[in-house]
PDB file of N, CA and C in Angstrom:
ATOM      1  N   MET A   1       1.015  -1.137   0.222  1.00  0.00           N
ATOM      2  CA  MET A   1       0.080   0.031  -0.028  1.00  0.00           C
ATOM      3  C   MET A   1       0.952   1.299   0.093  1.00  0.00           C
ATOM      4  N   SER A   2       0.347   2.468  -0.660  1.00  0.00           N
ATOM      5  CA  SER A   2       0.987   3.530  -0.260  1.00  0.00           C
ATOM      6  C   SER A   2       0.057   4.927  -0.094  1.00  0.00           C
ATOM      7  N   LEU A   3       0.479   5.591   0.370  1.00  0.00           N
ATOM      8  CA  LEU A   3      -0.039   6.869   0.997  1.00  0.00           C
ATOM      9  C   LEU A   3      -1.276   7.592  -0.083  1.00  0.00           C
ATOM     10  N   LEU A   4      -0.475   7.753  -1.521  1.00  0.00           N
ATOM     11  CA  LEU A   4      -1.451   8.001  -2.469  1.00  0.00           C
ATOM     12  C   LEU A   4      -2.562   6.956  -2.740  1.00  0.00           C
ATOM     13  N   GLU A   5      -2.317   5.644  -2.986  1.00  0.00           N
ATOM     14  CA  GLU A   5      -3.486   4.658  -2.830  1.00  0.00           C
ATOM     15  C   GLU A   5      -4.473   5.164  -2.051  1.00  0.00           C
ATOM     16  N   ASP A   6      -4.108   5.308  -0.697  1.00  0.00           N
ATOM     17  CA  ASP A   6      -5.045   5.167   0.555  1.00  0.00           C
ATOM     18  C   ASP A   6      -5.701   6.760   0.219  1.00  0.00           C
ATOM     19  N   LEU A   7      -5.197   7.575   0.205  1.00  0.00           N
ATOM     20  CA  LEU A   7      -5.651   9.108  -0.522  1.00  0.00           C
ATOM     21  C   LEU A   7      -6.868   8.768  -1.289  1.00  0.00           C
ATOM     22  N   ASN A   8      -6.467   8.264  -2.287  1.00  0.00           N
ATOM     23  CA  ASN A   8      -7.469   8.259  -3.502  1.00  0.00           C
ATOM     24  C   ASN A   8      -8.319   7.486  -2.952  1.00  0.00           C
ATOM     25  N   THR A   9      -8.381   6.477  -2.084  1.00  0.00           N
ATOM     26  CA  THR A   9      -9.358   5.410  -1.851  1.00  0.00           C
ATOM     27  C   THR A   9     -10.446   6.101  -0.885  1.00  0.00           C
ATOM     28  N   CYS A  10     -10.052   6.902  -0.137  1.00  0.00           N
ATOM     29  CA  CYS A  10     -10.878   7.398   1.077  1.00  0.00           C
ATOM     30  C   CYS A  10     -11.329   8.553   0.429  1.00  0.00           C
ATOM     31  N   LEU A  11     -10.847   9.632  -0.378  1.00  0.00           N
ATOM     32  CA  LEU A  11     -11.472  10.740  -0.981  1.00  0.00           C
ATOM     33  C   LEU A  11     -12.373  10.703  -2.376  1.00  0.00           C
ATOM     34  N   ARG A  12     -12.205   9.882  -3.205  1.00  0.00           N
ATOM     35  CA  ARG A  12     -12.970   9.363  -4.402  1.00  0.00           C
ATOM     36  C   ARG A  12     -14.581   9.841  -4.072  1.00  0.00           C
ATOM     37  N   PRO A  13     -14.933   9.076  -3.050  1.00  0.00           N
ATOM     38  CA  PRO A  13     -16.551   9.072  -2.745  1.00  0.00           C
ATOM     39  C   PRO A  13     -16.950  10.545  -2.346  1.00  0.00           C
ATOM     40  N   LEU A  14     -16.120  11.499  -2.199  1.00  0.00           N
ATOM     41  CA  LEU A  14     -16.523  12.490  -1.640  1.00  0.00           C
ATOM     42  C   LEU A  14     -16.960  13.567  -3.229  1.00  0.00           C
ATOM     43  N   GLY A  15     -16.595  12.921  -4.390  1.00  0.00           N
ATOM     44  CA  GLY A  15     -16.770  13.477  -5.496  1.00  0.00           C
ATOM     45  C   GLY A  15     -16.138  14.784  -5.881  1.00  0.00           C
ATOM     46  N   ILE A  16     -15.158  15.022  -5.366  1.00  0.00           N
ATOM     47  CA  ILE A  16     -14.268  16.268  -5.817  1.00  0.00           C
ATOM     48  C   ILE A  16     -13.416  15.547  -6.564  1.00  0.00           C
ATOM     49  N   PRO A  17     -13.121  16.246  -7.717  1.00  0.00           N
ATOM     50  CA  PRO A  17     -11.826  15.776  -8.773  1.00  0.00           C
ATOM     51  C   PRO A  17     -10.331  16.161  -7.941  1.00  0.00           C
ATOM     52  N   ILE A  18      -9.620  14.725  -8.538  1.00  0.00           N
ATOM     53  CA  ILE A  18      -8.368  14.423  -7.884  1.00  0.00           C
ATOM     54  C   ILE A  18      -7.434  14.393  -8.794  1.00  0.00           C
ATOM     55  N   GLU A  19      -6.106  15.226  -8.692  1.00  0.00           N
ATOM     56  CA  GLU A  19      -4.970  14.906  -9.629  1.00  0.00           C
ATOM     57  C   GLU A  19      -3.786  14.760  -8.774  1.00  0.00           C
ATOM     58  N   THR A  20      -2.896  14.253  -9.034  1.00  0.00           N
ATOM     59  CA  THR A  20      -1.687  14.040  -8.499  1.00  0.00           C
ATOM     60  C   THR A  20      -0.482  15.040  -9.114  1.00  0.00           C
ATOM     61  N   GLY A  21       0.033  15.948  -8.314  1.00  0.00           N
ATOM     62  CA  GLY A  21       0.903  16.863  -8.741  1.00  0.00           C
ATOM     63  C   GLY A  21       0.202  18.157  -9.262  1.00  0.00           C
ATOM     64  N   VAL A  22      -0.131  18.278 -10.308  1.00  0.00           N
ATOM     65  CA  VAL A  22      -0.917  19.594 -10.980  1.00  0.00           C
ATOM     66  C   VAL A  22      -2.226  19.070 -11.473  1.00  0.00           C
ATOM     67  N   PHE A  23      -3.171  19.956 -11.679  1.00  0.00           N
ATOM     68  CA  PHE A  23      -4.315  19.215 -12.261  1.00  0.00           C
ATOM     69  C   PHE A  23      -4.055  19.848 -13.999  1.00  0.00           C
ATOM     70  N   SER A  24      -4.446  18.483 -14.505  1.00  0.00           N
ATOM     71  CA  SER A  24      -4.013  18.510 -15.911  1.00  0.00           C
ATOM     72  C   SER A  24      -4.812  18.917 -16.894  1.00  0.00           C
ATOM     73  N   GLU A  25      -6.149  19.435 -16.510  1.00  0.00           N
ATOM     74  CA  GLU A  25      -7.175  19.918 -17.511  1.00  0.00           C
ATOM     75  C   GLU A  25      -7.608  21.148 -16.854  1.00  0.00           C
ATOM     76  N   ALA A  26      -8.563  21.755 -17.657  1.00  0.00           N
ATOM     77  CA  ALA A  26      -9.031  23.069 -17.147  1.00  0.00           C
ATOM     78  C   ALA A  26      -9.882  22.615 -15.799  1.00  0.00           C
ATOM     79  N   PRO A  27      -9.276  23.571 -14.912  1.00  0.00           N
ATOM     80  CA  PRO A  27      -9.735  23.354 -13.473  1.00  0.00           C
ATOM     81  C   PRO A  27     -11.481  23.350 -13.245  1.00  0.00           C
ATOM     82  N   PRO A  28     -12.208  22.542 -12.493  1.00  0.00           N
ATOM     83  CA  PRO A  28     -13.659  22.977 -12.273  1.00  0.00           C
ATOM     84  C   PRO A  28     -13.465  23.608 -11.253  1.00  0.00           C
ATOM     85  N   ASP A  29     -14.697  24.156 -10.755  1.00  0.00           N
ATOM     86  CA  ASP A  29     -14.819  25.056  -9.546  1.00  0.00           C
ATOM     87  C   ASP A  29     -14.084  24.577  -8.217  1.00  0.00           C
ATOM     88  N   GLU A  30     -14.054  23.145  -7.854  1.00  0.00           N
ATOM     89  CA  GLU A  30     -13.373  22.988  -6.895  1.00  0.00           C
ATOM     90  C   GLU A  30     -12.629  21.659  -7.205  1.00  0.00           C
ATOM     91  N   TYR A  31     -11.431  21.420  -6.557  1.00  0.00           N
ATOM     92  CA  TYR A  31     -10.856  20.258  -7.175  1.00  0.00           C
ATOM     93  C   TYR A  31      -9.532  19.939  -5.812  1.00  0.00           C
ATOM     94  N   LEU A  32      -8.925  18.509  -5.878  1.00  0.00           N
ATOM     95  CA  LEU A  32      -7.671  18.388  -4.760  1.00  0.00           C
ATOM     96  C   LEU A  32      -6.721  18.206  -5.564  1.00  0.00           C
ATOM     97  N   VAL A  33      -5.475  18.642  -5.187  1.00  0.00           N
ATOM     98  CA  VAL A  33      -4.295  18.385  -5.946  1.00  0.00           C
ATOM     99  C   VAL A  33      -3.483  17.497  -4.415  1.00  0.00           C
ATOM    100  N   ILE A  34      -3.027  16.177  -4.872  1.00  0.00           N
ATOM    101  CA  ILE A  34      -2.046  15.536  -3.904  1.00  0.00           C
ATOM    102  C   ILE A  34      -0.875  15.974  -4.411  1.00  0.00           C
ATOM    103  N   THR A  35       0.143  16.308  -3.429  1.00  0.00           N
ATOM    104  CA  THR A  35       1.377  16.456  -3.879  1.00  0.00           C
ATOM    105  C   THR A  35       2.322  15.594  -2.786  1.00  0.00           C
ATOM    106  N   PRO A  36       3.191  14.781  -3.323  1.00  0.00           N
ATOM    107  CA  PRO A  36       3.820  13.948  -2.234  1.00  0.00           C
ATOM    108  C   PRO A  36       4.908  14.744  -1.631  1.00  0.00           C
ATOM    109  N   LEU A  37       5.205  14.695  -0.122  1.00  0.00           N
ATOM    110  CA  LEU A  37       6.265  15.641   0.190  1.00  0.00           C
ATOM    111  C   LEU A  37       7.486  14.715   0.488  1.00  0.00           C
ATOM    112  N   ALA A  38       7.127  13.712   1.660  1.00  0.00           N
ATOM    113  CA  ALA A  38       8.504  12.861   1.925  1.00  0.00           C
ATOM    114  C   ALA A  38       8.260  11.694   2.041  1.00  0.00           C
ATOM    115  N   ASP A  39       9.377  10.542   1.776  1.00  0.00           N
ATOM    116  CA  ASP A  39       9.167   9.362   2.244  1.00  0.00           C
ATOM    117  C   ASP A  39      10.431   9.180   3.048  1.00  0.00           C
ATOM    118  N   SER A  40      10.276   8.257   4.160  1.00  0.00           N
ATOM    119  CA  SER A  40      11.416   8.098   5.240  1.00  0.00           C
ATOM    120  C   SER A  40      11.169   6.755   5.466  1.00  0.00           C
ATOM    121  N   PHE A  41      12.106   6.315   6.780  1.00  0.00           N
ATOM    122  CA  PHE A  41      12.390   5.163   7.154  1.00  0.00           C
ATOM    123  C   PHE A  41      12.132   5.388   8.583  1.00  0.00           C
ATOM    124  N   GLY A  42      11.575   4.569   9.446  1.00  0.00           N
ATOM    125  CA  GLY A  42      11.413   4.821  10.862  1.00  0.00           C
ATOM    126  C   GLY A  42      11.342   3.496  11.474  1.00  0.00           C
ATOM    127  N   LEU A  43      11.990   3.688  12.543  1.00  0.00           N
ATOM    128  CA  LEU A  43      12.004   2.790  13.818  1.00  0.00           C
ATOM    129  C   LEU A  43      12.999   1.582  13.310  1.00  0.00           C
ATOM    130  N   HIS A  44      14.253   1.739  13.311  1.00  0.00           N
ATOM    131  CA  HIS A  44      15.222   0.942  12.773  1.00  0.00           C
ATOM    132  C   HIS A  44      15.937  -0.014  14.087  1.00  0.00           C
ATOM    133  N   ALA A  45      15.714  -1.200  13.701  1.00  0.00           N
ATOM    134  CA  ALA A  45      16.354  -2.174  14.411  1.00  0.00           C
ATOM    135  C   ALA A  45      17.189  -3.168  13.814  1.00  0.00           C
ATOM    136  N   ASP A  46      18.649  -3.111  14.106  1.00  0.00           N
ATOM    137  CA  ASP A  46      19.452  -4.197  13.391  1.00  0.00           C
ATOM    138  C   ASP A  46      19.770  -3.493  12.077  1.00  0.00           C
ATOM    139  N   ASN A  47      19.615  -2.266  12.124  1.00  0.00           N
ATOM    140  CA  ASN A  47      20.299  -1.483  10.671  1.00  0.00           C
ATOM    141  C   ASN A  47      18.833  -2.107   9.734  1.00  0.00           C
ATOM    142  N   THR A  48      18.002  -2.308  10.058  1.00  0.00           N
ATOM    143  CA  THR A  48      16.802  -2.721   9.383  1.00  0.00           C
ATOM    144  C   THR A  48      15.543  -1.390   9.319  1.00  0.00           C
ATOM    145  N   PRO A  49      15.088  -0.871   8.161  1.00  0.00           N
ATOM    146  CA  PRO A  49      13.925   0.084   8.766  1.00  0.00           C
ATOM    147  C   PRO A  49      12.447  -0.853   8.769  1.00  0.00           C
ATOM    148  N   LEU A  50      11.680  -0.873  10.003  1.00  0.00           N
ATOM    149  CA  LEU A  50      10.682  -1.179  10.220  1.00  0.00           C
ATOM    150  C   LEU A  50       9.415  -0.491   9.431  1.00  0.00           C
ATOM    151  N   TYR A  51       9.491   0.692   9.367  1.00  0.00           N
ATOM    152  CA  TYR A  51       8.178   1.308   8.875  1.00  0.00           C
ATOM    153  C   TYR A  51       8.806   2.570   7.568  1.00  0.00           C
ATOM    154  N   ASP A  52       7.812   2.434   6.576  1.00  0.00           N
ATOM    155  CA  ASP A  52       7.995   3.260   5.626  1.00  0.00           C
ATOM    156  C   ASP A  52       7.237   4.115   5.821  1.00  0.00           C
ATOM    157  N   VAL A  53       7.715   5.623   6.045  1.00  0.00           N
ATOM    158  CA  VAL A  53       6.639   6.748   6.573  1.00  0.00           C
ATOM    159  C   VAL A  53       6.592   7.725   5.336  1.00  0.00           C
ATOM    160  N   GLN A  54       5.260   7.898   4.956  1.00  0.00           N
ATOM    161  CA  GLN A  54       5.294   8.634   3.845  1.00  0.00           C
ATOM    162  C   GLN A  54       4.307   9.673   3.884  1.00  0.00           C
ATOM    163  N   GLU A  55       4.481  10.936   3.395  1.00  0.00           N
ATOM    164  CA  GLU A  55       3.733  12.215   3.873  1.00  0.00           C
ATOM    165  C   GLU A  55       3.431  12.885   2.416  1.00  0.00           C
ATOM    166  N   ALA A  56       2.090  13.467   2.642  1.00  0.00           N
ATOM    167  CA  ALA A  56       1.760  14.218   1.106  1.00  0.00           C
ATOM    168  C   ALA A  56       0.812  15.389   1.694  1.00  0.00           C
ATOM    169  N   ARG A  57       0.545  16.446   1.077  1.00  0.00           N
ATOM    170  CA  ARG A  57       0.009  17.737   1.088  1.00  0.00           C
ATOM    171  C   ARG A  57      -1.045  17.640   0.100  1.00  0.00           C
ATOM    172  N   LEU A  58      -2.490  17.775   0.922  1.00  0.00           N
ATOM    173  CA  LEU A  58      -3.772  17.712   0.084  1.00  0.00           C
ATOM    174  C   LEU A  58      -4.098  19.350  -0.250  1.00  0.00           C
ATOM    175  N   SER A  59      -4.446  19.901  -1.510  1.00  0.00           N
ATOM    176  CA  SER A  59      -4.257  21.419  -1.654  1.00  0.00           C
ATOM    177  C   SER A  59      -5.924  21.414  -2.315  1.00  0.00           C
ATOM    178  N   LEU A  60      -6.777  22.071  -1.433  1.00  0.00           N
ATOM    179  CA  LEU A  60      -7.984  22.052  -1.779  1.00  0.00           C
ATOM    180  C   LEU A  60      -8.185  23.610  -2.311  1.00  0.00           C
ATOM    181  N   PHE A  61      -8.794  23.591  -3.478  1.00  0.00           N
ATOM    182  CA  PHE A  61      -8.836  24.894  -4.352  1.00  0.00           C
ATOM    183  C   PHE A  61     -10.502  24.618  -4.551  1.00  0.00           C
ATOM    184  N   ALA A  62     -10.969  26.092  -4.306  1.00  0.00           N
ATOM    185  CA  ALA A  62     -12.442  26.177  -4.347  1.00  0.00           C
ATOM    186  C   ALA A  62     -12.737  27.761  -4.755  1.00  0.00           C
ATOM    187  N   LYS A  63     -13.770  27.965  -5.789  1.00  0.00           N
ATOM    188  CA  LYS A  63     -14.208  29.526  -6.245  1.00  0.00           C
ATOM    189  C   LYS A  63     -14.870  30.045  -5.174  1.00  0.00           C
ATOM    190  N   GLY A  64     -15.655  29.190  -4.449  1.00  0.00           N
ATOM    191  CA  GLY A  64     -16.396  29.668  -3.250  1.00  0.00           C
ATOM    192  C   GLY A  64     -16.019  29.073  -1.901  1.00  0.00           C
ATOM    193  N   SER A  65     -16.954  29.016  -0.933  1.00  0.00           N
ATOM    194  CA  SER A  65     -16.838  28.718   0.114  1.00  0.00           C
ATOM    195  C   SER A  65     -16.278  27.384   0.356  1.00  0.00           C
ATOM    196  N   TYR A  66     -15.349  26.834   0.920  1.00  0.00           N
ATOM    197  CA  TYR A  66     -14.723  25.708   0.963  1.00  0.00           C
ATOM    198  C   TYR A  66     -14.631  24.772   2.360  1.00  0.00           C
ATOM    199  N   THR A  67     -15.467  25.531   3.243  1.00  0.00           N
ATOM    200  CA  THR A  67     -15.598  24.819   4.631  1.00  0.00           C
ATOM    201  C   THR A  67     -16.305  23.380   4.350  1.00  0.00           C
ATOM    202  N   LYS A  68     -17.342  23.364   3.698  1.00  0.00           N
ATOM    203  CA  LYS A  68     -18.123  22.261   3.693  1.00  0.00           C
ATOM    204  C   LYS A  68     -17.205  21.193   3.313  1.00  0.00           C
ATOM    205  N   GLN A  69     -16.382  21.469   1.798  1.00  0.00           N
ATOM    206  CA  GLN A  69     -15.449  20.341   1.470  1.00  0.00           C
ATOM    207  C   GLN A  69     -14.354  19.909   2.383  1.00  0.00           C
ATOM    208  N   LYS A  70     -13.739  20.866   3.238  1.00  0.00           N
ATOM    209  CA  LYS A  70     -12.914  21.118   3.942  1.00  0.00           C
ATOM    210  C   LYS A  70     -12.987  19.955   5.032  1.00  0.00           C
ATOM    211  N   THR A  71     -14.341  19.974   5.658  1.00  0.00           N
ATOM    212  CA  THR A  71     -14.888  19.326   6.797  1.00  0.00           C
ATOM    213  C   THR A  71     -15.068  17.847   6.231  1.00  0.00           C
ATOM    214  N   ALA A  72     -15.365  17.511   5.119  1.00  0.00           N
ATOM    215  CA  ALA A  72     -15.544  16.362   4.573  1.00  0.00           C
ATOM    216  C   ALA A  72     -14.456  15.453   4.378  1.00  0.00           C
ATOM    217  N   ILE A  73     -13.527  16.368   3.880  1.00  0.00           N
ATOM    218  CA  ILE A  73     -11.970  15.591   3.627  1.00  0.00           C
ATOM    219  C   ILE A  73     -11.351  15.200   4.857  1.00  0.00           C
ATOM    220  N   LEU A  74     -11.709  16.231   5.968  1.00  0.00           N
ATOM    221  CA  LEU A  74     -10.817  15.918   7.402  1.00  0.00           C
ATOM    222  C   LEU A  74     -11.695  14.566   7.993  1.00  0.00           C
ATOM    223  N   ARG A  75     -12.982  14.670   7.615  1.00  0.00           N
ATOM    224  CA  ARG A  75     -13.586  13.429   8.215  1.00  0.00           C
ATOM    225  C   ARG A  75     -13.138  12.226   7.426  1.00  0.00           C
ATOM    226  N   ALA A  76     -13.151  12.253   6.377  1.00  0.00           N
ATOM    227  CA  ALA A  76     -12.734  11.083   5.175  1.00  0.00           C
ATOM    228  C   ALA A  76     -11.285  10.458   5.684  1.00  0.00           C
ATOM    229  N   LEU A  77     -10.430  11.564   6.017  1.00  0.00           N
ATOM    230  CA  LEU A  77      -9.117  11.199   6.331  1.00  0.00           C
ATOM    231  C   LEU A  77      -9.180  10.534   8.104  1.00  0.00           C
ATOM    232  N   LEU A  78      -9.601  11.018   8.682  1.00  0.00           N
ATOM    233  CA  LEU A  78      -9.515  10.654  10.032  1.00  0.00           C
ATOM    234  C   LEU A  78     -10.266   9.307   9.996  1.00  0.00           C
ATOM    235  N   GLY A  79     -11.391   8.947   9.349  1.00  0.00           N
ATOM    236  CA  GLY A  79     -12.113   7.827   9.191  1.00  0.00           C
ATOM    237  C   GLY A  79     -11.244   6.619   8.499  1.00  0.00           C
ATOM    238  N   ALA A  80     -10.245   6.789   7.644  1.00  0.00           N
ATOM    239  CA  ALA A  80      -9.479   6.259   7.175  1.00  0.00           C
ATOM    240  C   ALA A  80      -8.148   5.867   7.984  1.00  0.00           C
ATOM    241  N   ASP A  81      -8.099   6.461   9.316  1.00  0.00           N
ATOM    242  CA  ASP A  81      -7.014   6.252   9.992  1.00  0.00           C
ATOM    243  C   ASP A  81      -5.525   7.024   9.522  1.00  0.00           C
ATOM    244  N   LEU A  82      -5.739   7.955   8.854  1.00  0.00           N
ATOM    245  CA  LEU A  82      -4.635   8.720   8.621  1.00  0.00           C
ATOM    246  C   LEU A  82      -4.311   9.653   9.342  1.00  0.00           C
ATOM    247  N   TYR A  83      -2.987   9.970   9.415  1.00  0.00           N
ATOM    248  CA  TYR A  83      -2.956  11.095  10.331  1.00  0.00           C
ATOM    249  C   TYR A  83      -2.537  12.561   9.670  1.00  0.00           C
ATOM    250  N   ILE A  84      -3.125  13.593  10.124  1.00  0.00           N
ATOM    251  CA  ILE A  84      -3.073  14.762   9.755  1.00  0.00           C
ATOM    252  C   ILE A  84      -2.106  15.607  10.678  1.00  0.00           C
ATOM    253  N   THR A  85      -1.166  15.864   9.886  1.00  0.00           N
ATOM    254  CA  THR A  85       0.015  16.682  10.513  1.00  0.00           C
ATOM    255  C   THR A  85       0.181  18.084  10.400  1.00  0.00           C
ATOM    256  N   ASP A  86      -0.783  18.590   9.488  1.00  0.00           N
ATOM    257  CA  ASP A  86      -0.995  20.405   9.307  1.00  0.00           C
ATOM    258  C   ASP A  86      -2.036  20.566   8.878  1.00  0.00           C
ATOM    259  N   ARG A  87      -3.021  21.723   8.711  1.00  0.00           N
ATOM    260  CA  ARG A  87      -3.761  21.969   7.970  1.00  0.00           C
ATOM    261  C   ARG A  87      -3.753  23.759   8.091  1.00  0.00           C
ATOM    262  N   ARG A  88      -3.890  24.336   6.922  1.00  0.00           N
ATOM    263  CA  ARG A  88      -3.898  25.558   7.046  1.00  0.00           C
ATOM    264  C   ARG A  88      -4.585  26.424   5.799  1.00  0.00           C
ATOM    265  N   TYR A  89      -4.983  27.506   5.998  1.00  0.00           N
ATOM    266  CA  TYR A  89      -5.667  28.373   5.036  1.00  0.00           C
ATOM    267  C   TYR A  89      -4.436  28.877   4.209  1.00  0.00           C
ATOM    268  N   ILE A  90      -4.143  28.787   2.841  1.00  0.00           N
ATOM    269  CA  ILE A  90      -3.166  29.389   2.377  1.00  0.00           C
ATOM    270  C   ILE A  90      -3.369  30.693   1.739  1.00  0.00           C
ATOM    271  N   GLY A  91      -4.431  31.046   1.092  1.00  0.00           N
ATOM    272  CA  GLY A  91      -4.861  32.215   0.676  1.00  0.00           C
ATOM    273  C   GLY A  91      -5.621  32.419  -0.647  1.00  0.00           C
ATOM    274  N   HIS A  92      -6.102  33.244  -1.177  1.00  0.00           N
ATOM    275  CA  HIS A  92      -7.164  33.783  -2.282  1.00  0.00           C
ATOM    276  C   HIS A  92      -6.333  33.815  -3.296  1.00  0.00           C
ATOM    277  N   GLU A  93      -6.272  33.225  -4.889  1.00  0.00           N
ATOM    278  CA  GLU A  93      -5.564  33.574  -5.690  1.00  0.00           C
ATOM    279  C   GLU A  93      -6.333  34.476  -6.596  1.00  0.00           C
ATOM    280  N   ASP A  94      -5.850  35.862  -6.599  1.00  0.00           N
ATOM    281  CA  ASP A  94      -6.626  36.745  -7.224  1.00  0.00           C
ATOM    282  C   ASP A  94      -6.825  36.543  -8.626  1.00  0.00           C
ATOM    283  N   GLU A  95      -5.471  35.783  -9.286  1.00  0.00           N
ATOM    284  CA  GLU A  95      -5.646  35.888 -10.519  1.00  0.00           C
ATOM    285  C   GLU A  95      -6.578  34.627 -11.095  1.00  0.00           C
ATOM    286  N   THR A  96      -6.952  33.266 -10.471  1.00  0.00           N
ATOM    287  CA  THR A  96      -7.714  32.629 -10.671  1.00  0.00           C
ATOM    288  C   THR A  96      -9.409  32.421  -9.995  1.00  0.00           C
ATOM    289  N   GLY A  97      -8.999  33.449  -8.955  1.00  0.00           N
ATOM    290  CA  GLY A  97     -10.691  33.100  -7.913  1.00  0.00           C
ATOM    291  C   GLY A  97     -10.551  32.212  -7.214  1.00  0.00           C
ATOM    292  N   PHE A  98      -9.576  31.154  -7.030  1.00  0.00           N
ATOM    293  CA  PHE A  98      -9.630  30.539  -6.062  1.00  0.00           C
ATOM    294  C   PHE A  98      -9.248  30.416  -4.767  1.00  0.00           C
ATOM    295  N   PHE A  99     -10.023  29.717  -3.593  1.00  0.00           N
ATOM    296  CA  PHE A  99      -9.361  29.776  -2.423  1.00  0.00           C
ATOM    297  C   PHE A  99      -8.534  28.415  -2.394  1.00  0.00           C
ATOM    298  N   HIS A 100      -7.614  28.666  -1.388  1.00  0.00           N
ATOM    299  CA  HIS A 100      -6.618  27.496  -1.629  1.00  0.00           C
ATOM    300  C   HIS A 100      -6.295  27.027   0.182  1.00  0.00           C
ATOM    301  N   TYR A 101      -6.714  25.814   0.658  1.00  0.00           N
ATOM    302  CA  TYR A 101      -6.567  25.168   1.759  1.00  0.00           C
ATOM    303  C   TYR A 101      -5.903  24.026   1.618  1.00  0.00           C
ATOM    304  N   ALA A 102      -4.813  23.692   2.782  1.00  0.00           N
ATOM    305  CA  ALA A 102      -3.694  22.759   2.479  1.00  0.00           C
ATOM    306  C   ALA A 102      -3.949  22.094   3.586  1.00  0.00           C
ATOM    307  N   ILE A 103      -3.810  20.468   3.478  1.00  0.00           N
ATOM    308  CA  ILE A 103      -4.166  19.552   4.419  1.00  0.00           C
ATOM    309  C   ILE A 103      -2.772  18.705   4.499  1.00  0.00           C
ATOM    310  N   ASP A 104      -1.803  18.605   5.394  1.00  0.00           N
ATOM    311  CA  ASP A 104      -0.806  17.622   5.365  1.00  0.00           C
ATOM    312  C   ASP A 104      -1.260  16.248   5.976  1.00  0.00           C
ATOM    313  N   VAL A 105      -0.848  15.469   5.366  1.00  0.00           N
ATOM    314  CA  VAL A 105      -1.204  13.867   6.088  1.00  0.00           C
ATOM    315  C   VAL A 105       0.057  13.101   5.823  1.00  0.00           C
ATOM    316  N   ALA A 106       0.183  12.163   6.986  1.00  0.00           N
ATOM    317  CA  ALA A 106       1.104  11.176   6.703  1.00  0.00           C
ATOM    318  C   ALA A 106       0.578   9.800   7.333  1.00  0.00           C
ATOM    319  N   GLN A 107       1.346   8.768   6.954  1.00  0.00           N
ATOM    320  CA  GLN A 107       0.816   7.305   7.351  1.00  0.00           C
ATOM    321  C   GLN A 107       2.312   6.352   7.418  1.00  0.00           C
ATOM    322  N   HIS A 108       2.520   5.776   8.278  1.00  0.00           N
ATOM    323  CA  HIS A 108       3.518   4.495   8.181  1.00  0.00           C
ATOM    324  C   HIS A 108       2.850   3.331   8.018  1.00  0.00           C
ATOM    325  N   TYR A 109       3.864   2.578   7.191  1.00  0.00           N
ATOM    326  CA  TYR A 109       3.455   1.282   6.395  1.00  0.00           C
ATOM    327  C   TYR A 109       4.669   0.553   6.922  1.00  0.00           C
ATOM    328  N   GLU A 110       4.214  -0.577   7.459  1.00  0.00           N
ATOM    329  CA  GLU A 110       5.171  -1.855   7.820  1.00  0.00           C
ATOM    330  C   GLU A 110       6.109  -2.337   6.729  1.00  0.00           C
ATOM    331  N   GLN A 111       6.946  -2.471   6.855  1.00  0.00           N
ATOM    332  CA  GLN A 111       8.211  -2.964   6.043  1.00  0.00           C
ATOM    333  C   GLN A 111       7.688  -4.540   5.854  1.00  0.00           C
ATOM    334  N   GLU A 112       7.923  -5.152   4.368  1.00  0.00           N
ATOM    335  CA  GLU A 112       7.581  -6.508   4.257  1.00  0.00           C
ATOM    336  C   GLU A 112       8.686  -6.899   4.012  1.00  0.00           C
ATOM    337  N   GLU A 113       8.543  -8.269   4.606  1.00  0.00           N
ATOM    338  CA  GLU A 113      10.086  -8.940   4.964  1.00  0.00           C
ATOM    339  C   GLU A 113      10.230  -9.593   3.671  1.00  0.00           C
TER     340      GLU A 113
END
């Protein structure tokens, strides 16, 4: 499993279009972009990593109020047992008219033998 797979699985039912990296088409009035942030190993024993820690940023872009979508995303993430490490309002993009809200997420995956 990977964090990107888990994010797509838990967020697809919300009906908000999702892309990884950048939105490839003309953007709708609301959409999500998933940007991978970091991959690291954790909890070493005998020089062998026990966990693969993966982090990503969810960027919610909305032309109107984003509060309902933000709440639904947070509930979906918590329901999927993902760790929310940060959330913040980034700002309003005057050129595009989008509000931008970011949620950073992490998950650890046990290394397979």
